[in-house]
C-alpha cells in the first residue's frame, strides 16, 4: 500500500491543491480593492472545476477500504460543492464591506470544511469518518467566529466549539464500545460481525450502548432535538453567509454519512435504532416548529427551521433503502437551493439596513423591493412544501421512503410530520405577511443588488423551479443509490 493510493482520491487531492492555490494567491496578490474580487474569482473557478470533475468521477476504493467513493457519494459531493459555490458567490458583498482583510482566510476555511465533508461521505471506516468530521468541524468554528469583535459572534463560536468538542467525545466513547464489541472499525466488517454476534445476547448491550452514543454525537452535528441547544445562538452570532453554509452543507454531509453508516454497518440493528429515530424525528419536527413561531429575529427563526428540516431529512433514514437514499439526496439538493436563497436575501437586507436581521425589517418590503420579496416568497414556499415548487416533491419522497417501512409506528411518524407541515406553513407565511401585508411608515428603502447577489439568487431560483419539474433528477438519484446497498 503506497502513495499511489492517493490517485484514487482525486476529488480530495484537488481540494488540497485548491487550498494551496488560494494560500499563495492570498500571499502574493497586492492588498488593494481588487484583491477580494480576484480571490473570489479564483475560489469560484476552483469550485466550478471541482463540480465538473465530480460529475465525471468513477467509484474508487483506497487504503484497504478506509476510503470508499461510491457513485452515490460522488453525487452527494456535487450537491455539497454546489452549496459551497453559492455561499462563496453570495458572500462577496459582505467580504468587500466588512471582512476585506480576511478574504483569503474565509475561502480557505470554506474549502477546508468541504474537504472534511468529502472524507465523511467517502469513509468506509469509523476512524476515517471521525477524521473527516473533525476536519469539517474545526474550520467551521473559525468561520462562526469570523466577526470576532462582535459579541454575538464570539458567543456563538464559543457555544459551537464547546458542543462540538463534547459531541466528539461522546461519539468517540460510542466508537470505543463498538470496537470493543466487534473488534473492527470497517463498516462492512462491523455489519458481518454484528450479524454473527447477534446470536450471543451477551454482546448486544455494549453494542447498543455504542450505537446510542455514536448517534448522540452525530445528533449534535445535525442539531436534532434534544441535541439542538447550541443552534439558535450559533446561527445568530455567525456571519449570515456562514449561517447559510452551516445550515445546509454541513447538515447534508452529516445526514448522508449517517444513512451510509446505518446501511453499511448497523443494518442488522435496524429493529433497535428505528425506535430511536422515531422519537428523535417527532421531537425535532414538533419542538422546532413550536419554537420557530415565537422568533422575531430571522436568523434564530431559520435556526429552528433548520432543526425541523433535519427531522424531515431523518425520515429518509428510516427508509434504509434505495428509495430512502435517493430521497435523502434529493431533499438535501432542494434544501440547499431553497435555504441559500433565503439566506442570500437575509444577507442583502442586512447589508442595506444597518446590520439588522429582525423580522420587522421586512415589513412592507414588497413596496420598495418587489423582486427581492418575490424571490424570498418562492424560497419560503419551497421550504414549506407548497406545490408546485421542488420542496413539495422533496417532502413527498421522504414521506414515501418512511412509509415504505409498513409498520404502524412509521405511519404514525409520517402522520405527525404531515401535521407539522401545516404548522411550518404558518410560520413561513409570517414572513410573507410582513413583506406583502404589513404596513409601516419606514419601510426598507429601495436598493439595487450587486451582480454576485443576483447570480446567487438566479441559481437558487432556477433550482427551486426546475428541480421540481425535472423528474429525471430523482430518477438519477434512485439509480445511483444502488451503489450504497
Protein backbone atom coordinates (compact mmCIF):
# COMPACT_ATOMS: atom_id res chain seq x y z
CA UNK A 1 0.00 0.00 0.00
CA UNK A 2 1.88 3.05 -1.27
CA UNK A 3 1.30 6.68 -2.08
CA UNK A 4 -0.32 5.64 -5.35
CA UNK A 5 -3.46 5.06 -3.29
CA UNK A 6 -3.97 8.82 -3.27
CA UNK A 7 -4.65 8.64 -7.01
CA UNK A 8 -7.98 7.09 -6.09
CA UNK A 9 -8.81 10.20 -4.06
CA UNK A 10 -8.69 12.71 -6.92
CA UNK A 11 -11.55 14.96 -5.65
CA UNK A 12 -9.95 15.32 -2.23
CA UNK A 13 -6.49 15.81 -3.72
CA UNK A 14 -7.83 18.55 -5.98
CA UNK A 15 -9.34 20.32 -2.96
CA UNK A 16 -5.93 20.27 -1.27
CA UNK A 17 -4.43 21.76 -4.44
CA UNK A 18 -7.12 24.45 -4.43
CA UNK A 19 -6.23 25.25 -0.82
CA UNK A 20 -2.60 25.75 -1.82
CA UNK A 21 -3.57 27.95 -4.77
CA UNK A 22 -5.77 30.13 -2.53
CA UNK A 23 -2.99 30.36 0.07
CA UNK A 24 -0.34 31.52 -2.39
CA UNK A 25 -2.77 33.83 -4.20
CA UNK A 26 -3.68 35.46 -0.90
CA UNK A 27 0.01 35.78 -0.04
CA UNK A 28 1.22 37.25 -3.33
CA UNK A 29 -1.69 39.41 -4.52
CA UNK A 30 -1.36 43.08 -3.69
CA UNK A 31 -3.61 44.36 -0.92
CA UNK A 32 -5.94 46.61 -2.86
CA UNK A 33 -9.65 46.86 -3.51
CA UNK A 34 -9.42 44.31 -6.33
CA UNK A 35 -7.89 41.58 -4.17
CA UNK A 36 -11.25 40.42 -2.79
CA UNK A 37 -12.70 40.12 -6.28
CA UNK A 38 -9.64 38.29 -7.63
CA UNK A 39 -9.65 35.79 -4.77
CA UNK A 40 -13.39 35.34 -5.22
CA UNK A 41 -12.94 34.54 -8.91
CA UNK A 42 -10.22 32.02 -8.06
CA UNK A 43 -12.43 30.35 -5.45
CA UNK A 44 -15.46 30.26 -7.77
CA UNK A 45 -13.39 28.87 -10.66
CA UNK A 46 -11.92 26.21 -8.37
CA UNK A 47 -15.35 25.06 -7.14
CA UNK A 48 -16.77 25.00 -10.68
CA UNK A 49 -13.81 22.89 -11.80
CA UNK A 50 -14.36 20.64 -8.78
CA UNK A 51 -18.01 20.15 -9.76
CA UNK A 52 -17.08 19.24 -13.33
CA UNK A 53 -14.53 16.71 -12.09
CA UNK A 54 -17.03 15.09 -9.73
CA UNK A 55 -19.60 14.73 -12.50
CA UNK A 56 -17.07 12.56 -14.34
CA UNK A 57 -15.67 10.78 -11.26
CA UNK A 58 -15.81 6.99 -11.04
CA UNK A 59 -16.28 4.84 -7.92
CA UNK A 60 -12.98 4.14 -6.16
CA UNK A 61 -11.57 2.36 -3.12
CA UNK A 62 -8.33 3.22 -1.33
CA UNK A 63 -6.31 2.23 1.73
CA UNK A 64 -7.81 -1.17 2.17
CA UNK A 65 -11.40 0.04 2.27
CA UNK A 66 -10.96 3.01 4.59
CA UNK A 67 -11.87 5.27 1.67
CA UNK A 68 -14.87 4.16 -0.39
CA UNK A 69 -16.11 6.61 -3.03
CA UNK A 70 -19.38 5.14 -4.28
CA UNK A 71 -21.33 6.69 -7.13
CA UNK A 72 -23.87 8.00 -4.61
CA UNK A 73 -21.07 9.59 -2.57
CA UNK A 74 -19.76 11.38 -5.68
CA UNK A 75 -23.25 12.73 -6.40
CA UNK A 76 -23.52 13.94 -2.81
CA UNK A 77 -20.18 15.71 -3.18
CA UNK A 78 -21.56 17.54 -6.21
CA UNK A 79 -24.50 18.75 -4.10
CA UNK A 80 -22.18 19.87 -1.28
CA UNK A 81 -19.90 21.67 -3.75
CA UNK A 82 -22.92 23.43 -5.25
CA UNK A 83 -23.86 24.67 -1.78
CA UNK A 84 -20.32 25.89 -1.14
CA UNK A 85 -20.28 27.63 -4.54
CA UNK A 86 -23.49 29.52 -3.74
CA UNK A 87 -22.04 30.55 -0.36
CA UNK A 88 -18.85 31.86 -1.97
CA UNK A 89 -20.85 33.88 -4.51
CA UNK A 90 -23.34 35.35 -2.01
CA UNK A 91 -20.58 36.20 0.49
CA UNK A 92 -18.82 38.63 -1.88
CA UNK A 93 -20.68 41.82 -0.79
CA UNK A 94 -20.18 41.00 2.88
CA UNK A 95 -16.48 40.31 2.37
CA UNK A 96 -15.96 43.54 0.44
CA UNK A 97 -17.76 45.64 3.05
CA UNK A 98 -16.84 44.07 6.38
CA UNK A 99 -14.14 41.41 6.08
CA UNK A 100 -11.87 42.58 3.27
CA UNK A 101 -8.68 41.89 5.24
CA UNK A 102 -9.61 38.24 5.76
CA UNK A 103 -11.00 37.26 2.36
CA UNK A 104 -8.33 34.64 1.72
CA UNK A 105 -8.84 33.07 5.12
CA UNK A 106 -12.59 32.84 4.51
CA UNK A 107 -12.18 30.95 1.23
CA UNK A 108 -9.54 28.63 2.67
CA UNK A 109 -11.75 27.78 5.63
CA UNK A 110 -14.71 27.04 3.34
CA UNK A 111 -12.59 24.72 1.19
CA UNK A 112 -11.16 23.06 4.33
CA UNK A 113 -14.62 22.25 5.66
CA UNK A 114 -15.61 20.94 2.24
CA UNK A 115 -12.57 18.64 2.30
CA UNK A 116 -13.69 17.22 5.64
CA UNK A 117 -17.19 16.63 4.31
CA UNK A 118 -15.78 14.82 1.28
CA UNK A 119 -13.89 12.46 3.58
CA UNK A 120 -17.02 11.92 5.71
CA UNK A 121 -19.14 10.92 2.74
CA UNK A 122 -16.46 8.58 1.32
CA UNK A 123 -15.38 6.90 4.54
CA UNK A 124 -15.51 3.13 4.86
CA UNK A 125 -14.08 3.10 8.36
CA UNK A 126 -15.19 4.84 11.55
CA UNK A 127 -11.72 6.30 12.09
CA UNK A 128 -11.73 7.87 8.62
CA UNK A 129 -15.23 9.19 9.27
CA UNK A 130 -14.14 10.80 12.54
CA UNK A 131 -11.12 12.43 10.92
CA UNK A 132 -13.36 13.87 8.21
CA UNK A 133 -15.86 15.08 10.77
CA UNK A 134 -13.22 16.95 12.74
CA UNK A 135 -11.61 18.32 9.57
CA UNK A 136 -15.01 19.87 8.79
CA UNK A 137 -15.88 20.97 12.35
CA UNK A 138 -12.73 22.85 13.39
CA UNK A 139 -12.62 25.25 10.38
CA UNK A 140 -16.37 25.71 10.76
CA UNK A 141 -15.81 27.01 14.29
CA UNK A 142 -13.37 29.55 12.85
CA UNK A 143 -15.98 30.62 10.30
CA UNK A 144 -18.59 31.08 13.04
CA UNK A 145 -16.13 33.33 14.92
CA UNK A 146 -15.19 35.31 11.81
CA UNK A 147 -16.74 38.52 13.19
CA UNK A 148 -14.67 38.07 16.31
CA UNK A 149 -15.12 41.63 17.57
CA UNK A 150 -18.89 41.23 17.74
CA UNK A 151 -20.27 39.89 20.99
CA UNK A 152 -22.82 37.57 19.38
CA UNK A 153 -20.21 36.06 17.08
CA UNK A 154 -17.81 35.27 19.92
CA UNK A 155 -20.64 33.81 22.00
CA UNK A 156 -21.93 31.71 19.12
CA UNK A 157 -18.45 30.41 18.32
CA UNK A 158 -17.81 29.51 21.97
CA UNK A 159 -21.04 27.53 22.17
CA UNK A 160 -20.34 25.84 18.87
CA UNK A 161 -16.80 24.74 19.72
CA UNK A 162 -17.78 23.57 23.21
CA UNK A 163 -20.70 21.49 21.97
CA UNK A 164 -18.63 20.20 19.04
CA UNK A 165 -15.90 19.09 21.45
CA UNK A 166 -18.40 17.44 23.76
CA UNK A 167 -20.22 15.68 20.91
CA UNK A 168 -16.92 14.41 19.50
CA UNK A 169 -16.07 12.98 22.91
CA UNK A 170 -19.46 11.28 23.14
CA UNK A 171 -19.03 9.86 19.64
CA UNK A 172 -15.55 8.51 20.41
CA UNK A 173 -16.92 6.95 23.58
CA UNK A 174 -19.55 5.19 21.48
CA UNK A 175 -16.96 4.06 18.93
CA UNK A 176 -14.89 2.53 21.72
CA UNK A 177 -17.92 0.43 22.72
CA UNK A 178 -18.45 -0.63 19.12
CA UNK A 179 -14.80 -1.58 18.68
CA UNK A 180 -14.81 -3.43 22.00
CA UNK A 181 -17.85 -5.40 20.86
CA UNK A 182 -16.87 -6.40 17.33
CA UNK A 183 -13.11 -5.78 17.18
CA UNK A 184 -13.07 -3.73 13.96
CA UNK A 185 -13.92 -0.25 12.67
CA UNK A 186 -14.54 -1.10 8.99
CA UNK A 187 -18.22 -0.70 8.12
CA UNK A 188 -18.59 -3.95 6.18
CA UNK A 189 -16.76 -5.96 8.82
CA UNK A 190 -18.83 -4.38 11.58
CA UNK A 191 -22.04 -5.43 9.84
CA UNK A 192 -20.84 -9.01 9.37
CA UNK A 193 -19.74 -9.36 12.97
CA UNK A 194 -22.93 -7.80 14.31
CA UNK A 195 -24.90 -10.36 12.31
CA UNK A 196 -22.70 -13.10 13.80
CA UNK A 197 -22.71 -11.81 17.39
CA UNK A 198 -26.46 -11.17 17.39
CA UNK A 199 -26.91 -14.82 18.39
CA UNK A 200 -24.85 -14.14 21.52
CA UNK A 201 -27.01 -11.88 23.66
CA UNK A 202 -24.09 -11.03 25.96
CA UNK A 203 -22.56 -8.83 23.24
CA UNK A 204 -25.69 -6.81 22.48
CA UNK A 205 -25.85 -4.38 25.48
CA UNK A 206 -22.37 -2.98 24.80
CA UNK A 207 -23.05 -2.79 21.08
CA UNK A 208 -26.35 -0.99 21.53
CA UNK A 209 -24.75 1.41 24.01
CA UNK A 210 -22.09 2.22 21.43
CA UNK A 211 -24.76 2.82 18.79
CA UNK A 212 -26.66 5.20 21.08
CA UNK A 213 -23.55 7.22 21.94
CA UNK A 214 -22.46 7.35 18.30
CA UNK A 215 -25.87 8.60 17.19
CA UNK A 216 -25.94 11.12 20.04
CA UNK A 217 -22.62 12.57 18.96
CA UNK A 218 -23.77 12.90 15.38
CA UNK A 219 -27.11 14.27 16.57
CA UNK A 220 -25.25 17.36 17.82
CA UNK A 221 -23.80 17.91 14.34
CA UNK A 222 -27.26 17.57 12.80
CA UNK A 223 -28.81 19.74 15.56
CA UNK A 224 -31.55 17.20 16.21
CA UNK A 225 -33.68 17.54 19.34
CA UNK A 226 -32.59 17.12 22.16
CA UNK A 227 -29.07 17.94 20.90
CA UNK A 228 -30.04 21.31 19.41
CA UNK A 229 -29.46 23.87 22.18
CA UNK A 230 -26.40 25.43 20.55
CA UNK A 231 -28.09 26.03 17.20
CA UNK A 232 -30.04 29.28 17.64
CA UNK A 233 -27.22 31.21 19.35
CA UNK A 234 -24.62 29.98 16.88
CA UNK A 235 -26.76 30.80 13.85
CA UNK A 236 -27.50 34.28 15.22
CA UNK A 237 -23.87 35.04 16.05
CA UNK A 238 -22.24 33.74 12.88
CA UNK A 239 -21.97 35.94 9.78
CA UNK A 240 -25.03 35.37 7.60
CA UNK A 241 -23.16 33.58 4.73
CA UNK A 242 -21.60 31.27 7.32
CA UNK A 243 -25.01 30.62 8.88
CA UNK A 244 -26.32 29.56 5.49
CA UNK A 245 -23.32 27.30 4.94
CA UNK A 246 -23.70 25.75 8.38
CA UNK A 247 -27.42 25.15 7.94
CA UNK A 248 -27.34 23.32 4.62
CA UNK A 249 -23.94 21.99 3.53
CA UNK A 250 -22.63 20.55 6.80
CA UNK A 251 -26.06 19.19 7.68
CA UNK A 252 -26.39 17.46 4.32
CA UNK A 253 -22.97 15.82 4.64
CA UNK A 254 -23.72 14.56 8.16
CA UNK A 255 -27.13 13.19 7.13
CA UNK A 256 -25.70 11.31 4.14
CA UNK A 257 -22.85 9.88 6.24
CA UNK A 258 -25.29 8.76 8.95
CA UNK A 259 -27.51 6.92 6.49
CA UNK A 260 -24.50 5.37 4.77
CA UNK A 261 -23.26 4.06 8.13
CA UNK A 262 -26.68 2.71 9.06
CA UNK A 263 -26.88 0.86 5.74
CA UNK A 264 -23.30 -0.43 5.64
CA UNK A 265 -22.53 -1.03 9.32
CA UNK A 266 -25.64 -1.13 11.53
CA UNK A 267 -28.20 -2.73 9.18
CA UNK A 268 -28.64 -5.83 11.45
CA UNK A 269 -29.59 -3.48 14.32
CA UNK A 270 -32.40 -1.77 12.37
CA UNK A 271 -35.07 -3.13 14.71
CA UNK A 272 -33.36 -1.29 17.58
CA UNK A 273 -32.31 2.06 16.10
CA UNK A 274 -35.64 2.61 14.31
CA UNK A 275 -37.34 3.38 17.62
CA UNK A 276 -34.60 5.87 18.46
CA UNK A 277 -35.11 7.55 15.10
CA UNK A 278 -38.88 7.71 15.56
CA UNK A 279 -38.54 9.58 18.85
CA UNK A 280 -35.89 12.00 17.59
CA UNK A 281 -37.81 12.79 14.39
CA UNK A 282 -41.08 13.58 16.18
CA UNK A 283 -39.29 15.73 18.77
CA UNK A 284 -37.15 17.58 16.22
CA UNK A 285 -40.01 18.49 13.90
CA UNK A 286 -42.52 19.36 16.62
CA UNK A 287 -40.32 21.24 19.09
CA UNK A 288 -38.54 23.21 16.35
CA UNK A 289 -41.81 24.27 14.75
CA UNK A 290 -43.26 25.45 18.05
CA UNK A 291 -40.17 27.49 18.88
CA UNK A 292 -39.92 28.94 15.36
CA UNK A 293 -43.35 30.56 15.76
CA UNK A 294 -42.06 32.60 18.70
CA UNK A 295 -38.99 34.06 16.99
CA UNK A 296 -38.67 37.69 15.94
CA UNK A 297 -35.01 37.51 14.85
CA UNK A 298 -34.79 35.98 11.40
CA UNK A 299 -31.55 34.02 11.81
CA UNK A 300 -32.84 32.42 15.01
CA UNK A 301 -36.06 31.74 13.13
CA UNK A 302 -34.10 29.95 10.39
CA UNK A 303 -32.17 28.04 13.06
CA UNK A 304 -35.34 26.40 14.32
CA UNK A 305 -36.47 25.93 10.73
CA UNK A 306 -33.24 24.03 10.02
CA UNK A 307 -33.81 21.81 13.08
CA UNK A 308 -37.24 20.96 11.72
CA UNK A 309 -35.80 20.31 8.25
CA UNK A 310 -33.23 17.96 9.80
CA UNK A 311 -36.13 16.00 11.26
CA UNK A 312 -37.66 15.68 7.80
CA UNK A 313 -34.32 14.53 6.38
CA UNK A 314 -34.21 11.80 9.03
CA UNK A 315 -37.48 10.42 7.62
CA UNK A 316 -35.42 9.23 4.66
CA UNK A 317 -33.01 7.50 7.06
CA UNK A 318 -35.91 5.47 8.46
CA UNK A 319 -36.39 4.01 5.00
CA UNK A 320 -32.88 2.47 4.98
CA UNK A 321 -33.44 1.51 1.36
CA UNK A 322 -32.64 2.59 -2.17
CA UNK A 323 -35.65 4.90 -2.12
CA UNK A 324 -34.57 6.32 1.24
CA UNK A 325 -31.08 7.18 -0.01
CA UNK A 326 -32.44 8.73 -3.23
CA UNK A 327 -34.98 10.75 -1.22
CA UNK A 328 -32.28 12.00 1.15
CA UNK A 329 -30.05 13.23 -1.67
CA UNK A 330 -32.96 14.86 -3.45
CA UNK A 331 -34.15 16.54 -0.24
CA UNK A 332 -30.67 17.90 0.51
CA UNK A 333 -30.34 19.24 -3.06
CA UNK A 334 -33.67 21.08 -2.86
CA UNK A 335 -32.93 22.26 0.67
CA UNK A 336 -29.59 23.72 -0.45
CA UNK A 337 -31.09 25.96 -3.14
CA UNK A 338 -34.19 26.99 -1.12
CA UNK A 339 -32.37 27.73 2.12
CA UNK A 340 -29.48 29.51 0.42
CA UNK A 341 -31.99 31.73 -1.42
CA UNK A 342 -33.44 32.77 1.95
CA UNK A 343 -30.02 33.47 3.43
CA UNK A 344 -28.94 35.42 0.34
CA UNK A 345 -31.94 37.71 0.82
CA UNK A 346 -31.25 37.98 4.56
CA UNK A 347 -27.63 38.91 3.87
CA UNK A 348 -28.66 41.51 1.27
CA UNK A 349 -31.22 43.14 3.57
CA UNK A 350 -28.72 43.05 6.42
CA UNK A 351 -26.10 44.84 4.30
CA UNK A 352 -28.59 47.56 3.35
CA UNK A 353 -30.31 48.00 6.70
CA UNK A 354 -27.57 48.71 9.20
CA UNK A 355 -26.82 45.08 10.01
CA UNK A 356 -30.21 44.19 11.48
CA UNK A 357 -31.79 40.79 10.94
CA UNK A 358 -35.03 41.43 12.81
CA UNK A 359 -38.19 40.22 11.11
CA UNK A 360 -39.65 43.72 11.47
CA UNK A 361 -37.12 44.94 8.86
CA UNK A 362 -39.15 43.05 6.24
CA UNK A 363 -42.38 44.97 6.88
CA UNK A 364 -43.53 46.37 3.56
CA UNK A 365 -40.52 45.01 1.68
CA UNK A 366 -42.69 44.35 -1.40
CA UNK A 367 -43.44 48.07 -1.71
CA UNK A 368 -39.81 49.07 -2.13
CA UNK A 369 -38.07 45.87 -3.33
CA UNK A 370 -40.72 43.70 -5.03
CA UNK A 371 -38.32 41.37 -6.85
CA UNK A 372 -36.42 40.53 -3.69
CA UNK A 373 -39.68 39.92 -1.82
CA UNK A 374 -40.95 37.68 -4.61
CA UNK A 375 -37.80 35.51 -4.64
CA UNK A 376 -37.93 35.27 -0.85
CA UNK A 377 -41.53 34.09 -1.10
CA UNK A 378 -40.63 31.39 -3.64
CA UNK A 379 -37.88 30.07 -1.35
CA UNK A 380 -40.13 30.08 1.73
CA UNK A 381 -42.92 28.29 -0.16
CA UNK A 382 -40.43 25.64 -1.25
CA UNK A 383 -39.23 25.16 2.33
CA UNK A 384 -42.84 24.83 3.46
CA UNK A 385 -43.55 22.22 0.78
CA UNK A 386 -46.15 24.13 -1.22
CA UNK A 387 -46.73 22.85 -4.79
CA UNK A 388 -45.57 23.19 -7.50
CA UNK A 389 -42.16 24.05 -6.09
CA UNK A 390 -39.40 21.47 -5.57
CA UNK A 391 -39.84 21.46 -1.79
CA UNK A 392 -43.21 19.76 -2.13
CA UNK A 393 -41.71 16.85 -4.07
CA UNK A 394 -38.77 16.52 -1.66
CA UNK A 395 -41.14 16.18 1.30
CA UNK A 396 -43.35 13.75 -0.63
CA UNK A 397 -40.39 11.48 -1.38
CA UNK A 398 -39.13 11.36 2.22
CA UNK A 399 -42.67 10.63 3.42
CA UNK A 400 -42.90 7.77 0.93
CA UNK A 401 -39.49 6.43 1.96
CA UNK A 402 -40.51 6.38 5.64
CA UNK A 403 -43.94 4.90 4.93
CA UNK A 404 -42.25 2.16 2.92
CA UNK A 405 -41.37 0.51 6.23
CA UNK A 406 -45.00 -0.52 6.50
CA UNK A 407 -45.15 -0.52 10.31
CA UNK A 408 -47.74 1.31 12.38
CA UNK A 409 -45.08 3.48 14.05
CA UNK A 410 -43.68 4.53 10.67
CA UNK A 411 -47.14 5.58 9.52
CA UNK A 412 -47.67 7.44 12.79
CA UNK A 413 -44.40 9.37 12.44
CA UNK A 414 -45.29 10.31 8.86
CA UNK A 415 -48.71 11.50 10.07
CA UNK A 416 -47.09 13.69 12.75
CA UNK A 417 -44.70 15.09 10.12
CA UNK A 418 -47.66 15.91 7.86
CA UNK A 419 -49.40 17.77 10.67
CA UNK A 420 -46.22 19.71 11.36
CA UNK A 421 -46.05 20.71 7.72
CA UNK A 422 -49.19 22.77 8.33
CA UNK A 423 -47.52 24.42 11.33
CA UNK A 424 -44.40 25.19 9.31
CA UNK A 425 -46.53 26.72 6.58
CA UNK A 426 -47.99 29.08 9.19
CA UNK A 427 -44.67 30.42 10.44
CA UNK A 428 -43.17 30.72 6.96
CA UNK A 429 -46.23 32.75 5.98
CA UNK A 430 -45.47 35.15 8.84
CA UNK A 431 -42.54 36.47 6.79
CA UNK A 432 -44.67 36.63 3.64
CA UNK A 433 -47.28 38.54 5.61
CA UNK A 434 -44.64 41.00 6.80
CA UNK A 435 -43.41 41.64 3.26
CA UNK A 436 -46.77 41.94 1.50
CA UNK A 437 -49.45 42.88 4.05
CA UNK A 438 -47.90 44.71 7.00
CA UNK A 439 -47.79 48.46 6.60
CA UNK A 440 -45.05 50.64 8.01
CA UNK A 441 -44.12 54.29 7.78
CA UNK A 442 -40.42 53.47 7.45
CA UNK A 443 -40.06 50.52 5.03
CA UNK A 444 -36.64 49.43 3.87
CA UNK A 445 -35.59 51.90 1.14
CA UNK A 446 -35.24 50.77 -2.45
CA UNK A 447 -31.75 49.50 -3.28
CA UNK A 448 -30.04 47.67 -6.12
CA UNK A 449 -28.37 44.33 -5.58
CA UNK A 450 -24.88 43.65 -6.86
CA UNK A 451 -24.00 41.12 -9.55
CA UNK A 452 -22.93 38.39 -7.11
CA UNK A 453 -26.22 38.53 -5.24
CA UNK A 454 -28.19 38.37 -8.48
CA UNK A 455 -26.19 35.36 -9.67
CA UNK A 456 -26.68 33.52 -6.36
CA UNK A 457 -30.42 34.24 -6.38
CA UNK A 458 -30.70 33.18 -10.02
CA UNK A 459 -29.03 29.81 -9.32
CA UNK A 460 -31.25 29.20 -6.29
CA UNK A 461 -34.46 30.25 -8.02
CA UNK A 462 -33.76 28.07 -11.06
CA UNK A 463 -33.14 25.16 -8.71
CA UNK A 464 -36.38 25.76 -6.79
CA UNK A 465 -38.39 25.73 -10.02
CA UNK A 466 -36.54 23.22 -12.19
CA UNK A 467 -35.76 20.53 -9.60
CA UNK A 468 -39.49 20.09 -9.09
CA UNK A 469 -40.17 19.79 -12.82
CA UNK A 470 -37.25 17.64 -13.99
CA UNK A 471 -38.19 14.17 -12.74
CA UNK A 472 -35.01 12.78 -14.28
CA UNK A 473 -33.03 14.18 -11.34
CA UNK A 474 -34.78 11.96 -8.81
CA UNK A 475 -34.62 9.02 -11.20
CA UNK A 476 -30.86 9.52 -11.47
CA UNK A 477 -30.51 9.65 -7.67
CA UNK A 478 -32.55 6.46 -7.41
CA UNK A 479 -30.27 4.73 -9.91
CA UNK A 480 -27.00 5.69 -8.21
CA UNK A 481 -28.34 4.74 -4.77
CA UNK A 482 -27.83 1.09 -5.68
CA UNK A 483 -24.09 1.60 -5.12
CA UNK A 484 -24.68 2.10 -1.39
CA UNK A 485 -26.70 -1.09 -0.83
